[in-house]
PDB file of N, CA and C in Angstrom:
ATOM      1  N   UNK A   1       0.718  -0.934  -0.028  1.00  0.00           N
ATOM      2  CA  UNK A   1       0.014  -0.017   0.125  1.00  0.00           C
ATOM      3  C   UNK A   1       0.976   1.228   0.057  1.00  0.00           C
ATOM      4  N   UNK A   2       0.668   2.035  -0.690  1.00  0.00           N
ATOM      5  CA  UNK A   2       1.302   3.413  -1.038  1.00  0.00           C
ATOM      6  C   UNK A   2       0.872   4.299   0.220  1.00  0.00           C
ATOM      7  N   UNK A   3       1.875   4.716   0.823  1.00  0.00           N
ATOM      8  CA  UNK A   3       1.633   6.156   1.716  1.00  0.00           C
ATOM      9  C   UNK A   3       1.712   7.163   1.035  1.00  0.00           C
ATOM     10  N   UNK A   4       1.506   8.250   1.473  1.00  0.00           N
ATOM     11  CA  UNK A   4       1.078   9.409   1.033  1.00  0.00           C
ATOM     12  C   UNK A   4       2.594   9.918   0.640  1.00  0.00           C
ATOM     13  N   UNK A   5       3.769  10.014   1.735  1.00  0.00           N
ATOM     14  CA  UNK A   5       5.207  10.135   1.247  1.00  0.00           C
ATOM     15  C   UNK A   5       5.659   9.723   0.191  1.00  0.00           C
ATOM     16  N   UNK A   6       5.302   8.152  -0.172  1.00  0.00           N
ATOM     17  CA  UNK A   6       5.548   7.446  -1.336  1.00  0.00           C
ATOM     18  C   UNK A   6       4.762   8.055  -2.557  1.00  0.00           C
ATOM     19  N   UNK A   7       3.495   8.574  -2.501  1.00  0.00           N
ATOM     20  CA  UNK A   7       2.900   9.244  -3.434  1.00  0.00           C
ATOM     21  C   UNK A   7       3.807  10.674  -3.661  1.00  0.00           C
ATOM     22  N   UNK A   8       4.104  11.466  -2.751  1.00  0.00           N
ATOM     23  CA  UNK A   8       4.899  12.738  -3.214  1.00  0.00           C
ATOM     24  C   UNK A   8       5.911  12.301  -3.667  1.00  0.00           C
ATOM     25  N   UNK A   9       6.614  11.185  -3.169  1.00  0.00           N
ATOM     26  CA  UNK A   9       8.038  10.703  -4.012  1.00  0.00           C
ATOM     27  C   UNK A   9       7.810  10.512  -5.417  1.00  0.00           C
ATOM     28  N   UNK A  10       6.693  10.009  -6.107  1.00  0.00           N
ATOM     29  CA  UNK A  10       6.769   9.405  -7.252  1.00  0.00           C
ATOM     30  C   UNK A  10       6.003  10.619  -7.598  1.00  0.00           C
ATOM     31  N   UNK A  11       5.371  11.637  -7.621  1.00  0.00           N
ATOM     32  CA  UNK A  11       4.876  12.547  -8.062  1.00  0.00           C
ATOM     33  C   UNK A  11       6.313  13.466  -8.270  1.00  0.00           C
ATOM     34  N   UNK A  12       7.147  13.811  -7.509  1.00  0.00           N
ATOM     35  CA  UNK A  12       8.284  14.441  -7.351  1.00  0.00           C
ATOM     36  C   UNK A  12       9.101  13.996  -8.455  1.00  0.00           C
ATOM     37  N   UNK A  13       9.334  12.695  -8.509  1.00  0.00           N
ATOM     38  CA  UNK A  13      10.201  11.764  -9.435  1.00  0.00           C
ATOM     39  C   UNK A  13       9.867  12.525 -10.890  1.00  0.00           C
ATOM     40  N   UNK A  14       8.706  12.063 -11.060  1.00  0.00           N
ATOM     41  CA  UNK A  14       7.879  12.855 -12.377  1.00  0.00           C
ATOM     42  C   UNK A  14       8.166  14.038 -12.709  1.00  0.00           C
ATOM     43  N   UNK A  15       8.059  14.852 -12.030  1.00  0.00           N
ATOM     44  CA  UNK A  15       7.982  16.385 -11.870  1.00  0.00           C
ATOM     45  C   UNK A  15       9.821  16.981 -12.420  1.00  0.00           C
ATOM     46  N   UNK A  16      10.628  16.034 -11.527  1.00  0.00           N
ATOM     47  CA  UNK A  16      12.180  16.494 -11.919  1.00  0.00           C
ATOM     48  C   UNK A  16      12.324  15.654 -13.191  1.00  0.00           C
ATOM     49  N   UNK A  17      11.928  14.675 -13.733  1.00  0.00           N
ATOM     50  CA  UNK A  17      12.442  14.400 -14.707  1.00  0.00           C
ATOM     51  C   UNK A  17      11.555  14.744 -15.745  1.00  0.00           C
ATOM     52  N   UNK A  18      10.677  15.270 -15.898  1.00  0.00           N
ATOM     53  CA  UNK A  18      10.007  16.245 -16.726  1.00  0.00           C
ATOM     54  C   UNK A  18      10.446  17.725 -16.587  1.00  0.00           C
ATOM     55  N   UNK A  19      11.349  18.295 -15.828  1.00  0.00           N
ATOM     56  CA  UNK A  19      12.290  19.813 -15.591  1.00  0.00           C
ATOM     57  C   UNK A  19      13.153  19.765 -16.764  1.00  0.00           C
ATOM     58  N   UNK A  20      13.722  20.940 -16.710  1.00  0.00           N
ATOM     59  CA  UNK A  20      14.278  21.450 -18.052  1.00  0.00           C
ATOM     60  C   UNK A  20      15.568  20.681 -17.725  1.00  0.00           C
ATOM     61  N   UNK A  21      16.752  20.821 -18.793  1.00  0.00           N
ATOM     62  CA  UNK A  21      17.626  20.011 -18.905  1.00  0.00           C
ATOM     63  C   UNK A  21      18.918  20.827 -18.074  1.00  0.00           C
ATOM     64  N   UNK A  22      18.675  22.219 -17.440  1.00  0.00           N
ATOM     65  CA  UNK A  22      19.539  22.857 -16.505  1.00  0.00           C
ATOM     66  C   UNK A  22      19.155  23.078 -15.158  1.00  0.00           C
ATOM     67  N   UNK A  23      20.126  23.380 -14.235  1.00  0.00           N
ATOM     68  CA  UNK A  23      19.988  23.245 -13.006  1.00  0.00           C
ATOM     69  C   UNK A  23      19.294  24.772 -12.481  1.00  0.00           C
ATOM     70  N   UNK A  24      19.485  25.771 -13.172  1.00  0.00           N
ATOM     71  CA  UNK A  24      18.777  26.887 -12.855  1.00  0.00           C
ATOM     72  C   UNK A  24      17.438  26.540 -13.024  1.00  0.00           C
ATOM     73  N   UNK A  25      17.069  26.456 -14.204  1.00  0.00           N
ATOM     74  CA  UNK A  25      15.620  26.369 -14.540  1.00  0.00           C
ATOM     75  C   UNK A  25      14.805  25.350 -13.614  1.00  0.00           C
ATOM     76  N   UNK A  26      15.507  24.259 -13.279  1.00  0.00           N
ATOM     77  CA  UNK A  26      15.308  23.119 -12.454  1.00  0.00           C
ATOM     78  C   UNK A  26      14.970  23.665 -11.258  1.00  0.00           C
ATOM     79  N   UNK A  27      15.557  24.537 -10.739  1.00  0.00           N
ATOM     80  CA  UNK A  27      15.357  25.174  -9.123  1.00  0.00           C
ATOM     81  C   UNK A  27      14.517  25.958  -9.430  1.00  0.00           C
ATOM     82  N   UNK A  28      14.228  27.065 -10.454  1.00  0.00           N
ATOM     83  CA  UNK A  28      13.267  27.679 -10.567  1.00  0.00           C
ATOM     84  C   UNK A  28      12.022  26.853 -10.567  1.00  0.00           C
ATOM     85  N   UNK A  29      11.814  25.667 -10.850  1.00  0.00           N
ATOM     86  CA  UNK A  29      10.694  25.199 -11.153  1.00  0.00           C
ATOM     87  C   UNK A  29      10.179  24.507  -9.837  1.00  0.00           C
ATOM     88  N   UNK A  30      11.139  24.241  -9.045  1.00  0.00           N
ATOM     89  CA  UNK A  30      10.809  23.799  -7.435  1.00  0.00           C
ATOM     90  C   UNK A  30      10.346  24.714  -6.740  1.00  0.00           C
ATOM     91  N   UNK A  31      10.842  26.006  -6.903  1.00  0.00           N
ATOM     92  CA  UNK A  31      10.274  26.997  -6.046  1.00  0.00           C
ATOM     93  C   UNK A  31       9.207  27.350  -6.645  1.00  0.00           C
ATOM     94  N   UNK A  32       8.633  27.190  -7.718  1.00  0.00           N
ATOM     95  CA  UNK A  32       6.983  27.647  -8.342  1.00  0.00           C
ATOM     96  C   UNK A  32       6.311  26.657  -7.809  1.00  0.00           C
ATOM     97  N   UNK A  33       6.601  25.669  -7.805  1.00  0.00           N
ATOM     98  CA  UNK A  33       5.592  24.255  -7.306  1.00  0.00           C
ATOM     99  C   UNK A  33       5.441  24.808  -5.659  1.00  0.00           C
ATOM    100  N   UNK A  34       6.507  24.870  -4.994  1.00  0.00           N
ATOM    101  CA  UNK A  34       6.590  25.162  -3.354  1.00  0.00           C
ATOM    102  C   UNK A  34       5.710  26.409  -3.189  1.00  0.00           C
ATOM    103  N   UNK A  35       5.770  27.537  -3.841  1.00  0.00           N
ATOM    104  CA  UNK A  35       5.284  28.962  -2.795  1.00  0.00           C
ATOM    105  C   UNK A  35       3.916  29.125  -2.883  1.00  0.00           C
ATOM    106  N   UNK A  36       3.057  28.534  -3.647  1.00  0.00           N
ATOM    107  CA  UNK A  36       1.335  28.544  -3.305  1.00  0.00           C
ATOM    108  C   UNK A  36       1.206  27.647  -2.458  1.00  0.00           C
ATOM    109  N   UNK A  37       1.388  26.653  -2.623  1.00  0.00           N
ATOM    110  CA  UNK A  37       1.086  26.335  -1.283  1.00  0.00           C
ATOM    111  C   UNK A  37       1.298  26.251  -0.008  1.00  0.00           C
ATOM    112  N   UNK A  38       2.810  26.738  -0.122  1.00  0.00           N
ATOM    113  CA  UNK A  38       3.587  27.465   1.343  1.00  0.00           C
ATOM    114  C   UNK A  38       2.513  28.597   2.121  1.00  0.00           C
ATOM    115  N   UNK A  39       2.403  29.484   0.857  1.00  0.00           N
ATOM    116  CA  UNK A  39       1.871  30.680   1.181  1.00  0.00           C
ATOM    117  C   UNK A  39       0.214  30.525   1.565  1.00  0.00           C
ATOM    118  N   UNK A  40      -0.236  29.454   1.129  1.00  0.00           N
ATOM    119  CA  UNK A  40      -1.738  29.247   1.403  1.00  0.00           C
ATOM    120  C   UNK A  40      -1.906  28.707   3.051  1.00  0.00           C
ATOM    121  N   UNK A  41      -1.201  27.673   3.114  1.00  0.00           N
ATOM    122  CA  UNK A  41      -0.999  27.212   4.458  1.00  0.00           C
ATOM    123  C   UNK A  41      -0.493  28.398   5.467  1.00  0.00           C
ATOM    124  N   UNK A  42       0.458  28.975   5.202  1.00  0.00           N
ATOM    125  CA  UNK A  42       0.651  30.248   6.260  1.00  0.00           C
ATOM    126  C   UNK A  42      -0.371  31.348   6.182  1.00  0.00           C
ATOM    127  N   UNK A  43      -1.359  31.250   5.663  1.00  0.00           N
ATOM    128  CA  UNK A  43      -2.467  32.401   5.832  1.00  0.00           C
ATOM    129  C   UNK A  43      -3.529  31.531   6.863  1.00  0.00           C
ATOM    130  N   UNK A  44      -3.482  30.250   7.233  1.00  0.00           N
ATOM    131  CA  UNK A  44      -4.381  29.843   8.433  1.00  0.00           C
ATOM    132  C   UNK A  44      -4.320  30.834   9.263  1.00  0.00           C
ATOM    133  N   UNK A  45      -5.750  31.332  10.217  1.00  0.00           N
ATOM    134  CA  UNK A  45      -5.629  31.965  11.401  1.00  0.00           C
ATOM    135  C   UNK A  45      -5.005  31.713  12.541  1.00  0.00           C
ATOM    136  N   UNK A  46      -4.955  30.120  12.544  1.00  0.00           N
ATOM    137  CA  UNK A  46      -4.537  29.761  13.766  1.00  0.00           C
ATOM    138  C   UNK A  46      -2.453  29.648  13.235  1.00  0.00           C
ATOM    139  N   UNK A  47      -1.975  30.442  14.220  1.00  0.00           N
ATOM    140  CA  UNK A  47      -0.552  30.443  14.080  1.00  0.00           C
ATOM    141  C   UNK A  47       0.215  29.015  14.158  1.00  0.00           C
ATOM    142  N   UNK A  48      -0.211  28.035  14.811  1.00  0.00           N
ATOM    143  CA  UNK A  48       0.228  27.131  14.888  1.00  0.00           C
ATOM    144  C   UNK A  48       0.039  26.025  13.680  1.00  0.00           C
ATOM    145  N   UNK A  49      -1.218  26.234  13.452  1.00  0.00           N
ATOM    146  CA  UNK A  49      -1.582  25.333  12.162  1.00  0.00           C
ATOM    147  C   UNK A  49      -0.660  25.861  10.734  1.00  0.00           C
ATOM    148  N   UNK A  50      -0.731  27.366  10.833  1.00  0.00           N
ATOM    149  CA  UNK A  50      -0.163  28.136   9.764  1.00  0.00           C
ATOM    150  C   UNK A  50       1.257  27.796   9.458  1.00  0.00           C
ATOM    151  N   UNK A  51       2.172  27.563  10.809  1.00  0.00           N
ATOM    152  CA  UNK A  51       3.513  26.900  10.607  1.00  0.00           C
ATOM    153  C   UNK A  51       3.773  25.906  10.131  1.00  0.00           C
ATOM    154  N   UNK A  52       2.533  24.850  10.681  1.00  0.00           N
ATOM    155  CA  UNK A  52       2.901  23.448  10.469  1.00  0.00           C
ATOM    156  C   UNK A  52       2.320  23.113   8.854  1.00  0.00           C
ATOM    157  N   UNK A  53       1.305  23.598   8.312  1.00  0.00           N
ATOM    158  CA  UNK A  53       0.835  23.617   6.871  1.00  0.00           C
ATOM    159  C   UNK A  53       1.749  24.570   6.145  1.00  0.00           C
ATOM    160  N   UNK A  54       2.300  25.482   6.478  1.00  0.00           N
ATOM    161  CA  UNK A  54       3.496  26.202   5.432  1.00  0.00           C
ATOM    162  C   UNK A  54       4.710  25.337   5.257  1.00  0.00           C
ATOM    163  N   UNK A  55       4.972  25.032   6.479  1.00  0.00           N
ATOM    164  CA  UNK A  55       6.338  24.079   6.509  1.00  0.00           C
ATOM    165  C   UNK A  55       6.167  22.881   5.820  1.00  0.00           C
ATOM    166  N   UNK A  56       5.416  22.381   5.381  1.00  0.00           N
ATOM    167  CA  UNK A  56       5.123  21.256   4.736  1.00  0.00           C
ATOM    168  C   UNK A  56       5.545  21.390   3.400  1.00  0.00           C
ATOM    169  N   UNK A  57       5.069  22.683   2.372  1.00  0.00           N
ATOM    170  CA  UNK A  57       5.191  22.832   1.301  1.00  0.00           C
ATOM    171  C   UNK A  57       6.957  23.075   1.189  1.00  0.00           C
ATOM    172  N   UNK A  58       6.950  23.809   2.099  1.00  0.00           N
ATOM    173  CA  UNK A  58       8.984  24.228   2.413  1.00  0.00           C
ATOM    174  C   UNK A  58       9.590  23.059   2.411  1.00  0.00           C
ATOM    175  N   UNK A  59       9.252  22.584   3.328  1.00  0.00           N
ATOM    176  CA  UNK A  59      10.061  21.211   3.413  1.00  0.00           C
ATOM    177  C   UNK A  59      10.161  20.056   2.313  1.00  0.00           C
ATOM    178  N   UNK A  60       9.074  20.061   1.181  1.00  0.00           N
ATOM    179  CA  UNK A  60       9.201  19.171   0.078  1.00  0.00           C
ATOM    180  C   UNK A  60       9.869  20.521  -0.835  1.00  0.00           C
ATOM    181  N   UNK A  61       9.702  21.615  -0.813  1.00  0.00           N
ATOM    182  CA  UNK A  61      10.672  22.298  -1.807  1.00  0.00           C
ATOM    183  C   UNK A  61      12.150  21.793  -1.364  1.00  0.00           C
ATOM    184  N   UNK A  62      12.419  21.949  -0.248  1.00  0.00           N
ATOM    185  CA  UNK A  62      13.989  21.672   0.208  1.00  0.00           C
ATOM    186  C   UNK A  62      14.340  20.233  -0.464  1.00  0.00           C
ATOM    187  N   UNK A  63      13.741  19.308  -0.640  1.00  0.00           N
ATOM    188  CA  UNK A  63      13.279  17.861  -1.007  1.00  0.00           C
ATOM    189  C   UNK A  63      13.698  18.026  -2.711  1.00  0.00           C
ATOM    190  N   UNK A  64      12.878  18.746  -3.281  1.00  0.00           N
ATOM    191  CA  UNK A  64      12.782  19.092  -4.840  1.00  0.00           C
ATOM    192  C   UNK A  64      14.082  19.487  -4.858  1.00  0.00           C
ATOM    193  N   UNK A  65      14.658  20.682  -4.241  1.00  0.00           N
ATOM    194  CA  UNK A  65      15.789  21.070  -4.723  1.00  0.00           C
ATOM    195  C   UNK A  65      16.760  20.394  -4.436  1.00  0.00           C
ATOM    196  N   UNK A  66      16.916  19.294  -3.208  1.00  0.00           N
ATOM    197  CA  UNK A  66      17.984  18.415  -3.149  1.00  0.00           C
ATOM    198  C   UNK A  66      18.009  17.398  -4.347  1.00  0.00           C
ATOM    199  N   UNK A  67      16.770  16.983  -4.717  1.00  0.00           N
ATOM    200  CA  UNK A  67      16.588  16.091  -5.949  1.00  0.00           C
ATOM    201  C   UNK A  67      17.516  16.773  -7.298  1.00  0.00           C
ATOM    202  N   UNK A  68      17.369  18.153  -7.508  1.00  0.00           N
ATOM    203  CA  UNK A  68      18.093  18.969  -8.218  1.00  0.00           C
ATOM    204  C   UNK A  68      19.532  18.726  -8.091  1.00  0.00           C
ATOM    205  N   UNK A  69      20.038  18.924  -7.289  1.00  0.00           N
ATOM    206  CA  UNK A  69      21.680  18.687  -7.231  1.00  0.00           C
ATOM    207  C   UNK A  69      21.790  17.291  -7.208  1.00  0.00           C
ATOM    208  N   UNK A  70      21.118  16.512  -6.832  1.00  0.00           N
ATOM    209  CA  UNK A  70      21.531  15.011  -7.350  1.00  0.00           C
ATOM    210  C   UNK A  70      21.575  14.541  -8.554  1.00  0.00           C
ATOM    211  N   UNK A  71      20.775  15.321  -9.660  1.00  0.00           N
ATOM    212  CA  UNK A  71      20.617  15.344 -10.795  1.00  0.00           C
ATOM    213  C   UNK A  71      21.682  15.813 -11.618  1.00  0.00           C
ATOM    214  N   UNK A  72      21.842  17.154 -11.238  1.00  0.00           N
ATOM    215  CA  UNK A  72      22.836  17.871 -11.729  1.00  0.00           C
ATOM    216  C   UNK A  72      24.026  17.993 -11.373  1.00  0.00           C
ATOM    217  N   UNK A  73      24.441  18.219 -10.212  1.00  0.00           N
ATOM    218  CA  UNK A  73      25.755  18.397  -9.358  1.00  0.00           C
ATOM    219  C   UNK A  73      26.440  17.296  -9.179  1.00  0.00           C
ATOM    220  N   UNK A  74      27.994  17.619  -9.122  1.00  0.00           N
ATOM    221  CA  UNK A  74      29.087  16.716  -9.176  1.00  0.00           C
ATOM    222  C   UNK A  74      29.743  16.428  -7.808  1.00  0.00           C
ATOM    223  N   UNK A  75      29.244  17.302  -7.133  1.00  0.00           N
ATOM    224  CA  UNK A  75      30.247  17.552  -5.698  1.00  0.00           C
ATOM    225  C   UNK A  75      29.700  16.371  -4.892  1.00  0.00           C
ATOM    226  N   UNK A  76      30.605  15.750  -4.159  1.00  0.00           N
ATOM    227  CA  UNK A  76      30.493  14.733  -3.321  1.00  0.00           C
ATOM    228  C   UNK A  76      29.768  15.186  -1.957  1.00  0.00           C
ATOM    229  N   UNK A  77      30.122  16.453  -1.336  1.00  0.00           N
ATOM    230  CA  UNK A  77      29.753  17.076  -0.350  1.00  0.00           C
ATOM    231  C   UNK A  77      28.221  17.475  -0.548  1.00  0.00           C
ATOM    232  N   UNK A  78      27.814  17.970  -1.546  1.00  0.00           N
ATOM    233  CA  UNK A  78      26.564  18.369  -2.038  1.00  0.00           C
ATOM    234  C   UNK A  78      25.498  17.404  -2.003  1.00  0.00           C
ATOM    235  N   UNK A  79      25.864  16.113  -2.588  1.00  0.00           N
ATOM    236  CA  UNK A  79      25.382  14.947  -2.806  1.00  0.00           C
ATOM    237  C   UNK A  79      24.987  14.496  -1.592  1.00  0.00           C
ATOM    238  N   UNK A  80      25.891  14.643  -0.491  1.00  0.00           N
ATOM    239  CA  UNK A  80      25.773  13.933   0.576  1.00  0.00           C
ATOM    240  C   UNK A  80      24.970  14.856   1.667  1.00  0.00           C
ATOM    241  N   UNK A  81      24.947  16.098   1.220  1.00  0.00           N
ATOM    242  CA  UNK A  81      24.315  17.310   2.167  1.00  0.00           C
ATOM    243  C   UNK A  81      22.591  16.785   1.348  1.00  0.00           C
ATOM    244  N   UNK A  82      22.425  16.456  -0.027  1.00  0.00           N
ATOM    245  CA  UNK A  82      21.204  16.648  -0.607  1.00  0.00           C
ATOM    246  C   UNK A  82      20.425  15.317   0.114  1.00  0.00           C
ATOM    247  N   UNK A  83      21.315  14.229   0.540  1.00  0.00           N
ATOM    248  CA  UNK A  83      20.494  12.474   0.349  1.00  0.00           C
ATOM    249  C   UNK A  83      20.229  12.975   2.046  1.00  0.00           C
ATOM    250  N   UNK A  84      20.887  13.663   2.942  1.00  0.00           N
ATOM    251  CA  UNK A  84      20.744  13.879   4.261  1.00  0.00           C
ATOM    252  C   UNK A  84      19.210  14.744   4.546  1.00  0.00           C
ATOM    253  N   UNK A  85      19.701  16.173   3.779  1.00  0.00           N
ATOM    254  CA  UNK A  85      18.139  16.478   3.690  1.00  0.00           C
ATOM    255  C   UNK A  85      17.211  15.983   3.287  1.00  0.00           C
ATOM    256  N   UNK A  86      16.969  15.230   2.567  1.00  0.00           N
ATOM    257  CA  UNK A  86      15.733  14.303   1.871  1.00  0.00           C
ATOM    258  C   UNK A  86      15.314  13.275   2.911  1.00  0.00           C
ATOM    259  N   UNK A  87      16.207  13.074   3.524  1.00  0.00           N
ATOM    260  CA  UNK A  87      15.955  11.640   4.874  1.00  0.00           C
ATOM    261  C   UNK A  87      15.192  12.312   6.027  1.00  0.00           C
ATOM    262  N   UNK A  88      16.061  13.734   6.294  1.00  0.00           N
ATOM    263  CA  UNK A  88      15.130  14.705   7.592  1.00  0.00           C
ATOM    264  C   UNK A  88      13.762  15.315   7.326  1.00  0.00           C
ATOM    265  N   UNK A  89      13.961  15.789   5.864  1.00  0.00           N
ATOM    266  CA  UNK A  89      12.908  16.653   5.527  1.00  0.00           C
ATOM    267  C   UNK A  89      11.976  15.454   5.268  1.00  0.00           C
ATOM    268  N   UNK A  90      11.745  14.274   5.146  1.00  0.00           N
ATOM    269  CA  UNK A  90      10.704  13.181   4.983  1.00  0.00           C
ATOM    270  C   UNK A  90      10.201  13.042   5.946  1.00  0.00           C
ATOM    271  N   UNK A  91      11.171  12.842   6.777  1.00  0.00           N
ATOM    272  CA  UNK A  91      10.474  12.333   8.236  1.00  0.00           C
ATOM    273  C   UNK A  91       9.986  13.558   8.880  1.00  0.00           C
ATOM    274  N   UNK A  92      10.396  14.926   8.582  1.00  0.00           N
ATOM    275  CA  UNK A  92       9.436  15.753   9.435  1.00  0.00           C
ATOM    276  C   UNK A  92       8.333  16.454   9.016  1.00  0.00           C
ATOM    277  N   UNK A  93       8.201  15.957   7.572  1.00  0.00           N
ATOM    278  CA  UNK A  93       6.881  16.224   6.812  1.00  0.00           C
ATOM    279  C   UNK A  93       5.721  14.904   7.239  1.00  0.00           C
ATOM    280  N   UNK A  94       6.266  14.085   7.558  1.00  0.00           N
ATOM    281  CA  UNK A  94       5.557  12.976   7.952  1.00  0.00           C
ATOM    282  C   UNK A  94       5.045  13.199   9.275  1.00  0.00           C
ATOM    283  N   UNK A  95       6.042  13.922  10.160  1.00  0.00           N
ATOM    284  CA  UNK A  95       5.627  14.140  11.546  1.00  0.00           C
ATOM    285  C   UNK A  95       4.654  15.566  11.584  1.00  0.00           C
ATOM    286  N   UNK A  96       4.654  16.003  10.699  1.00  0.00           N
ATOM    287  CA  UNK A  96       3.901  17.288  10.456  1.00  0.00           C
ATOM    288  C   UNK A  96       2.394  17.089  10.179  1.00  0.00           C
ATOM    289  N   UNK A  97       2.412  16.134   9.189  1.00  0.00           N
ATOM    290  CA  UNK A  97       1.320  15.579   8.468  1.00  0.00           C
ATOM    291  C   UNK A  97       0.458  14.742   9.762  1.00  0.00           C
ATOM    292  N   UNK A  98       1.288  14.222  10.637  1.00  0.00           N
ATOM    293  CA  UNK A  98       0.675  13.374  11.847  1.00  0.00           C
ATOM    294  C   UNK A  98      -0.053  14.221  12.519  1.00  0.00           C
ATOM    295  N   UNK A  99       0.530  15.411  13.052  1.00  0.00           N
ATOM    296  CA  UNK A  99       0.159  16.590  13.980  1.00  0.00           C
ATOM    297  C   UNK A  99      -0.833  17.035  13.213  1.00  0.00           C
ATOM    298  N   UNK A 100      -1.196  17.411  11.845  1.00  0.00           N
ATOM    299  CA  UNK A 100      -1.909  18.120  11.467  1.00  0.00           C
ATOM    300  C   UNK A 100      -3.219  16.874  11.482  1.00  0.00           C
ATOM    301  N   UNK A 101      -3.134  15.989  11.042  1.00  0.00           N
ATOM    302  CA  UNK A 101      -4.185  14.936  11.043  1.00  0.00           C
ATOM    303  C   UNK A 101      -4.884  14.716  12.518  1.00  0.00           C
ATOM    304  N   UNK A 102      -4.149  14.596  13.781  1.00  0.00           N
ATOM    305  CA  UNK A 102      -4.757  14.904  14.754  1.00  0.00           C
ATOM    306  C   UNK A 102      -5.558  16.061  15.176  1.00  0.00           C
ATOM    307  N   UNK A 103      -5.247  17.277  14.535  1.00  0.00           N
ATOM    308  CA  UNK A 103      -5.780  18.308  14.820  1.00  0.00           C
ATOM    309  C   UNK A 103      -7.069  18.492  13.674  1.00  0.00           C
ATOM    310  N   UNK A 104      -7.429  17.575  12.672  1.00  0.00           N
ATOM    311  CA  UNK A 104      -8.474  17.608  12.166  1.00  0.00           C
ATOM    312  C   UNK A 104      -8.074  18.731  11.000  1.00  0.00           C
ATOM    313  N   UNK A 105      -6.720  18.887  10.702  1.00  0.00           N
ATOM    314  CA  UNK A 105      -6.706  19.577   9.444  1.00  0.00           C
ATOM    315  C   UNK A 105      -6.426  18.800   7.889  1.00  0.00           C
ATOM    316  N   UNK A 106      -6.465  19.338   7.068  1.00  0.00           N
ATOM    317  CA  UNK A 106      -6.250  19.069   5.772  1.00  0.00           C
ATOM    318  C   UNK A 106      -4.681  19.562   5.330  1.00  0.00           C
ATOM    319  N   UNK A 107      -3.677  18.699   5.148  1.00  0.00           N
ATOM    320  CA  UNK A 107      -2.520  19.027   5.196  1.00  0.00           C
ATOM    321  C   UNK A 107      -2.015  18.959   3.528  1.00  0.00           C
ATOM    322  N   UNK A 108      -1.180  19.687   2.904  1.00  0.00           N
ATOM    323  CA  UNK A 108      -0.570  19.441   1.872  1.00  0.00           C
ATOM    324  C   UNK A 108      -0.179  18.484   1.364  1.00  0.00           C
TER     325      UNK A 108
END
């Protein structure tokens, strides 16, 4: 059974593979994808909910950027950092989604 995190992963793989063939345009695409949902989440009148609902797409944006450097970058340090960012941000997204669900919120 696919989890929501797995669904995001496959969606992101499809988006990265459909992205331009240069890093600058790929990074711009990740930011464009993140901005709307992040701002929508932060518009929640409850400051705690706004934080979590804004941070989920923000973290997903970090994951998407990390995937771009894995695709286009060559430096071992940035690849290692990207892999660590992906792991940490995916865990944190899962934690934030669980919190949102407990609060009856629909998480992005």
